[in-house]
Amino acid sequence: MTDLGQDLTEAGGNYGNPAVIYSNVFVSLISRHPDIKQPKDLKGLSIVAFPGAIQRYPEWLAASKAEGLYFEQNNQKLQVLGLNRGRYDLVLSDRSIYRYFELLLERTTLFKAKSIAMHDFVEEDPQNYRPLFRDPQIRDDFNAGLEQLKASGRYQAIYDHYLKPSESPVSQPE
């Protein structure tokens, strides 16, 4: 489980080592030419993001939410589709997740992704998005398994499987 931006240590949460280091960016269509360097650059732009993004980036997203231009969408495949269809100006997503869903849509449908730009806006903290466990032993087992995956090279192989273009269809995990 994730903590959606709230520290749950005092509530009995046991944080594991990060399995993924997210690199969150604003994604735009190149054709829209946005220049995003500071929060005020988002004025008037519609944004769709993952659940809990506003808790992590209030300085960037609060004004858009107040304008009624900020939305959260759990289905990140719909974020990619919405951006490509011009329903949103920006998607706030992790680089790899956005790319995965672009590739998935191109492999499994007639979708052709439009050219995008990815706009860095924060320096991510590797401790963000750590997995959260009720049981410390399960956390410890998770951490040990994660280290084993990394040491064996399997961790990188998993990333490569989902993020490198290929001609064969990839099924989406449920």
C-alpha atoms as a PDB file:
ATOM      1  CA  MET A   1       0.000   0.000   0.000  1.00  0.00           C
ATOM      2  CA  THR A   2       1.063   3.567  -0.422  1.00  0.00           C
ATOM      3  CA  ASP A   3       0.570   6.424   2.013  1.00  0.00           C
ATOM      4  CA  LEU A   4      -0.686   8.979  -0.565  1.00  0.00           C
ATOM      5  CA  GLY A   5       1.676  11.581   0.847  1.00  0.00           C
ATOM      6  CA  GLN A   6       0.997  11.094   4.562  1.00  0.00           C
ATOM      7  CA  ASP A   7       3.552   9.682   7.006  1.00  0.00           C
ATOM      8  CA  LEU A   8       1.883   6.632   8.557  1.00  0.00           C
ATOM      9  CA  THR A   9       4.712   5.590  10.886  1.00  0.00           C
ATOM     10  CA  GLU A  10       2.822   6.662  14.008  1.00  0.00           C
ATOM     11  CA  ALA A  11      -0.228   4.685  12.844  1.00  0.00           C
ATOM     12  CA  GLY A  12       1.852   1.483  12.812  1.00  0.00           C
ATOM     13  CA  GLY A  13       3.117   1.638   9.239  1.00  0.00           C
ATOM     14  CA  ASN A  14       6.410  -0.048   8.471  1.00  0.00           C
ATOM     15  CA  TYR A  15       8.129   1.468   5.459  1.00  0.00           C
ATOM     16  CA  GLY A  16      10.094  -0.761   3.116  1.00  0.00           C
ATOM     17  CA  ASN A  17      12.926   0.174   0.808  1.00  0.00           C
ATOM     18  CA  PRO A  18      11.794   1.899  -2.364  1.00  0.00           C
ATOM     19  CA  ALA A  19      11.232  -0.610  -5.142  1.00  0.00           C
ATOM     20  CA  VAL A  20      10.806   2.166  -7.685  1.00  0.00           C
ATOM     21  CA  ILE A  21      12.231   5.660  -7.787  1.00  0.00           C
ATOM     22  CA  TYR A  22       9.554   7.746  -9.422  1.00  0.00           C
ATOM     23  CA  SER A  23      10.547  10.599 -11.682  1.00  0.00           C
ATOM     24  CA  ASN A  24       7.383  12.666 -11.827  1.00  0.00           C
ATOM     25  CA  VAL A  25       7.094  15.144 -14.671  1.00  0.00           C
ATOM     26  CA  PHE A  26       4.467  17.194 -16.418  1.00  0.00           C
ATOM     27  CA  VAL A  27       3.800  15.674 -19.834  1.00  0.00           C
ATOM     28  CA  SER A  28       2.468  17.870 -22.641  1.00  0.00           C
ATOM     29  CA  LEU A  29       1.909  17.589 -26.341  1.00  0.00           C
ATOM     30  CA  ILE A  30       4.790  19.297 -28.128  1.00  0.00           C
ATOM     31  CA  SER A  31       2.232  21.021 -30.345  1.00  0.00           C
ATOM     32  CA  ARG A  32       0.915  22.971 -27.344  1.00  0.00           C
ATOM     33  CA  HIS A  33       4.357  24.500 -26.572  1.00  0.00           C
ATOM     34  CA  PRO A  34       3.995  24.996 -22.808  1.00  0.00           C
ATOM     35  CA  ASP A  35       7.009  26.332 -20.948  1.00  0.00           C
ATOM     36  CA  ILE A  36       6.861  25.039 -17.378  1.00  0.00           C
ATOM     37  CA  LYS A  37       9.506  26.285 -14.994  1.00  0.00           C
ATOM     38  CA  GLN A  38       7.518  27.464 -11.965  1.00  0.00           C
ATOM     39  CA  PRO A  39       4.018  26.996 -10.531  1.00  0.00           C
ATOM     40  CA  LYS A  40       2.625  30.176 -12.107  1.00  0.00           C
ATOM     41  CA  ASP A  41       3.324  28.671 -15.552  1.00  0.00           C
ATOM     42  CA  LEU A  42       0.428  26.250 -14.940  1.00  0.00           C
ATOM     43  CA  LYS A  43      -2.160  29.047 -14.833  1.00  0.00           C
ATOM     44  CA  GLY A  44      -5.088  28.246 -17.106  1.00  0.00           C
ATOM     45  CA  LEU A  45      -3.818  24.762 -17.998  1.00  0.00           C
ATOM     46  CA  SER A  46      -5.883  21.671 -17.253  1.00  0.00           C
ATOM     47  CA  ILE A  47      -3.978  18.959 -15.414  1.00  0.00           C
ATOM     48  CA  VAL A  48      -4.738  15.297 -14.790  1.00  0.00           C
ATOM     49  CA  ALA A  49      -2.625  13.502 -12.192  1.00  0.00           C
ATOM     50  CA  PHE A  50      -2.368  10.322 -10.158  1.00  0.00           C
ATOM     51  CA  PRO A  51      -4.325  10.102  -6.870  1.00  0.00           C
ATOM     52  CA  GLY A  52      -2.597  11.940  -4.050  1.00  0.00           C
ATOM     53  CA  ALA A  53      -0.475  14.173  -6.294  1.00  0.00           C
ATOM     54  CA  ILE A  54      -1.944  17.322  -4.765  1.00  0.00           C
ATOM     55  CA  GLN A  55      -0.719  16.243  -1.306  1.00  0.00           C
ATOM     56  CA  ARG A  56       2.797  15.770  -2.674  1.00  0.00           C
ATOM     57  CA  TYR A  57       2.938  18.932  -4.788  1.00  0.00           C
ATOM     58  CA  PRO A  58       0.524  21.494  -3.297  1.00  0.00           C
ATOM     59  CA  GLU A  59       2.721  24.438  -4.297  1.00  0.00           C
ATOM     60  CA  TRP A  60       2.386  23.359  -7.931  1.00  0.00           C
ATOM     61  CA  LEU A  61      -1.210  22.132  -8.032  1.00  0.00           C
ATOM     62  CA  ALA A  62      -3.299  24.106  -5.526  1.00  0.00           C
ATOM     63  CA  ALA A  63      -3.984  27.052  -7.864  1.00  0.00           C
ATOM     64  CA  SER A  64      -5.091  24.705 -10.674  1.00  0.00           C
ATOM     65  CA  LYS A  65      -7.395  22.905  -8.266  1.00  0.00           C
ATOM     66  CA  ALA A  66      -8.875  26.237  -7.124  1.00  0.00           C
ATOM     67  CA  GLU A  67      -9.485  27.120 -10.804  1.00  0.00           C
ATOM     68  CA  GLY A  68     -11.282  23.791 -11.333  1.00  0.00           C
ATOM     69  CA  LEU A  69      -8.573  22.670 -13.755  1.00  0.00           C
ATOM     70  CA  TYR A  70      -7.036  19.867 -11.677  1.00  0.00           C
ATOM     71  CA  PHE A  71      -8.285  16.279 -11.807  1.00  0.00           C
ATOM     72  CA  GLU A  72      -7.035  12.972 -10.454  1.00  0.00           C
ATOM     73  CA  GLN A  73      -7.378   9.785 -12.479  1.00  0.00           C
ATOM     74  CA  ASN A  74      -6.256   6.418 -11.144  1.00  0.00           C
ATOM     75  CA  ASN A  75      -6.298   4.755 -14.574  1.00  0.00           C
ATOM     76  CA  GLN A  76      -3.092   6.089 -16.059  1.00  0.00           C
ATOM     77  CA  LYS A  77      -3.855   4.609 -19.473  1.00  0.00           C
ATOM     78  CA  LEU A  78      -6.769   7.062 -19.626  1.00  0.00           C
ATOM     79  CA  GLN A  79      -4.341   9.879 -18.816  1.00  0.00           C
ATOM     80  CA  VAL A  80      -2.294   9.051 -21.926  1.00  0.00           C
ATOM     81  CA  LEU A  81      -5.413   8.807 -24.084  1.00  0.00           C
ATOM     82  CA  GLY A  82      -6.838  12.056 -22.698  1.00  0.00           C
ATOM     83  CA  LEU A  83      -3.655  14.003 -23.384  1.00  0.00           C
ATOM     84  CA  ASN A  84      -3.420  12.654 -26.923  1.00  0.00           C
ATOM     85  CA  ARG A  85      -7.046  13.588 -27.579  1.00  0.00           C
ATOM     86  CA  GLY A  86      -6.533  17.102 -26.223  1.00  0.00           C
ATOM     87  CA  ARG A  87      -8.786  16.654 -23.195  1.00  0.00           C
ATOM     88  CA  TYR A  88      -6.048  17.888 -20.865  1.00  0.00           C
ATOM     89  CA  ASP A  89      -3.128  20.237 -21.332  1.00  0.00           C
ATOM     90  CA  LEU A  90      -0.844  18.331 -18.967  1.00  0.00           C
ATOM     91  CA  VAL A  91      -0.484  14.943 -17.350  1.00  0.00           C
ATOM     92  CA  LEU A  92       1.436  14.682 -14.092  1.00  0.00           C
ATOM     93  CA  SER A  93       2.987  11.218 -14.203  1.00  0.00           C
ATOM     94  CA  ASP A  94       6.132   9.246 -13.667  1.00  0.00           C
ATOM     95  CA  ARG A  95       8.223   9.099 -16.853  1.00  0.00           C
ATOM     96  CA  SER A  96       8.332   5.305 -16.943  1.00  0.00           C
ATOM     97  CA  ILE A  97       4.646   4.829 -16.187  1.00  0.00           C
ATOM     98  CA  TYR A  98       3.632   7.271 -18.903  1.00  0.00           C
ATOM     99  CA  ARG A  99       5.955   5.540 -21.389  1.00  0.00           C
ATOM    100  CA  TYR A 100       4.648   2.093 -20.396  1.00  0.00           C
ATOM    101  CA  PHE A 101       1.056   3.065 -21.111  1.00  0.00           C
ATOM    102  CA  GLU A 102       2.018   4.726 -24.394  1.00  0.00           C
ATOM    103  CA  LEU A 103       3.743   1.531 -25.513  1.00  0.00           C
ATOM    104  CA  LEU A 104       0.900  -0.646 -24.248  1.00  0.00           C
ATOM    105  CA  LEU A 105      -1.673   1.369 -26.202  1.00  0.00           C
ATOM    106  CA  GLU A 106       0.447   1.282 -29.356  1.00  0.00           C
ATOM    107  CA  ARG A 107       0.941  -2.495 -29.065  1.00  0.00           C
ATOM    108  CA  THR A 108      -2.645  -3.423 -28.317  1.00  0.00           C
ATOM    109  CA  THR A 109      -4.780  -0.858 -30.184  1.00  0.00           C
ATOM    110  CA  LEU A 110      -4.683   1.398 -33.227  1.00  0.00           C
ATOM    111  CA  PHE A 111      -3.368   4.181 -30.997  1.00  0.00           C
ATOM    112  CA  LYS A 112      -0.491   6.273 -32.322  1.00  0.00           C
ATOM    113  CA  ALA A 113       1.088   8.506 -29.685  1.00  0.00           C
ATOM    114  CA  LYS A 114       1.595  12.155 -30.523  1.00  0.00           C
ATOM    115  CA  SER A 115       4.947  13.793 -29.853  1.00  0.00           C
ATOM    116  CA  ILE A 116       5.287  14.798 -26.227  1.00  0.00           C
ATOM    117  CA  ALA A 117       7.556  16.856 -24.023  1.00  0.00           C
ATOM    118  CA  MET A 118       8.358  15.938 -20.443  1.00  0.00           C
ATOM    119  CA  HIS A 119       8.864  18.864 -18.100  1.00  0.00           C
ATOM    120  CA  ASP A 120      10.919  18.333 -14.940  1.00  0.00           C
ATOM    121  CA  PHE A 121       9.562  20.403 -12.079  1.00  0.00           C
ATOM    122  CA  VAL A 122      10.913  18.936  -8.825  1.00  0.00           C
ATOM    123  CA  GLU A 123      13.845  16.880  -7.660  1.00  0.00           C
ATOM    124  CA  GLU A 124      12.351  13.658  -6.404  1.00  0.00           C
ATOM    125  CA  ASP A 125      13.170  12.222  -2.999  1.00  0.00           C
ATOM    126  CA  PRO A 126      13.998   8.499  -3.278  1.00  0.00           C
ATOM    127  CA  GLN A 127      12.141   7.976   0.013  1.00  0.00           C
ATOM    128  CA  ASN A 128       8.838   9.066  -1.554  1.00  0.00           C
ATOM    129  CA  TYR A 129       6.475   6.259  -2.494  1.00  0.00           C
ATOM    130  CA  ARG A 130       8.084   3.637  -0.308  1.00  0.00           C
ATOM    131  CA  PRO A 131       5.930   0.563   0.160  1.00  0.00           C
ATOM    132  CA  LEU A 132       4.097   0.414   3.457  1.00  0.00           C
ATOM    133  CA  PHE A 133       3.491  -2.740   5.472  1.00  0.00           C
ATOM    134  CA  ARG A 134       1.540  -3.539   8.634  1.00  0.00           C
ATOM    135  CA  ASP A 135       3.874  -6.380   9.552  1.00  0.00           C
ATOM    136  CA  PRO A 136       7.596  -5.585  10.005  1.00  0.00           C
ATOM    137  CA  GLN A 137       8.554  -9.178   9.105  1.00  0.00           C
ATOM    138  CA  ILE A 138       6.782  -8.918   5.759  1.00  0.00           C
ATOM    139  CA  ARG A 139       8.574  -5.604   5.201  1.00  0.00           C
ATOM    140  CA  ASP A 140      11.918  -7.260   5.967  1.00  0.00           C
ATOM    141  CA  ASP A 141      11.133 -10.142   3.595  1.00  0.00           C
ATOM    142  CA  PHE A 142      10.178  -7.625   0.907  1.00  0.00           C
ATOM    143  CA  ASN A 143      13.430  -5.703   1.383  1.00  0.00           C
ATOM    144  CA  ALA A 144      15.480  -8.917   1.142  1.00  0.00           C
ATOM    145  CA  GLY A 145      13.645  -9.992  -2.019  1.00  0.00           C
ATOM    146  CA  LEU A 146      14.150  -6.594  -3.582  1.00  0.00           C
ATOM    147  CA  GLU A 147      17.887  -6.725  -2.915  1.00  0.00           C
ATOM    148  CA  GLN A 148      18.038 -10.208  -4.425  1.00  0.00           C
ATOM    149  CA  LEU A 149      16.248  -9.016  -7.582  1.00  0.00           C
ATOM    150  CA  LYS A 150      18.662  -6.121  -7.976  1.00  0.00           C
ATOM    151  CA  ALA A 151      21.768  -8.241  -7.355  1.00  0.00           C
ATOM    152  CA  SER A 152      20.680 -10.870  -9.893  1.00  0.00           C
ATOM    153  CA  GLY A 153      19.923  -8.374 -12.671  1.00  0.00           C
ATOM    154  CA  ARG A 154      16.272  -9.425 -12.728  1.00  0.00           C
ATOM    155  CA  TYR A 155      15.148  -5.998 -11.481  1.00  0.00           C
ATOM    156  CA  GLN A 156      16.543  -4.269 -14.594  1.00  0.00           C
ATOM    157  CA  ALA A 157      15.213  -7.048 -16.833  1.00  0.00           C
ATOM    158  CA  ILE A 158      11.695  -6.382 -15.534  1.00  0.00           C
ATOM    159  CA  TYR A 159      12.017  -2.679 -16.357  1.00  0.00           C
ATOM    160  CA  ASP A 160      13.376  -3.468 -19.805  1.00  0.00           C
ATOM    161  CA  HIS A 161      10.520  -5.876 -20.520  1.00  0.00           C
ATOM    162  CA  TYR A 162       7.899  -3.194 -19.972  1.00  0.00           C
ATOM    163  CA  LEU A 163       9.687  -0.086 -21.239  1.00  0.00           C
ATOM    164  CA  LYS A 164      11.557  -1.114 -24.362  1.00  0.00           C
ATOM    165  CA  PRO A 165       9.602  -1.045 -27.611  1.00  0.00           C
ATOM    166  CA  SER A 166       8.924  -4.420 -29.152  1.00  0.00           C
ATOM    167  CA  GLU A 167       6.732  -5.881 -31.845  1.00  0.00           C
ATOM    168  CA  SER A 168       5.018  -8.411 -29.593  1.00  0.00           C
ATOM    169  CA  PRO A 169       1.907  -7.450 -27.629  1.00  0.00           C
ATOM    170  CA  VAL A 170       2.275  -7.115 -23.878  1.00  0.00           C
ATOM    171  CA  SER A 171      -0.627  -7.930 -21.642  1.00  0.00           C
ATOM    172  CA  GLN A 172      -1.429  -5.400 -18.971  1.00  0.00           C
ATOM    173  CA  PRO A 173      -1.218  -6.700 -15.409  1.00  0.00           C
ATOM    174  CA  GLU A 174      -4.500  -6.363 -13.532  1.00  0.00           C
END
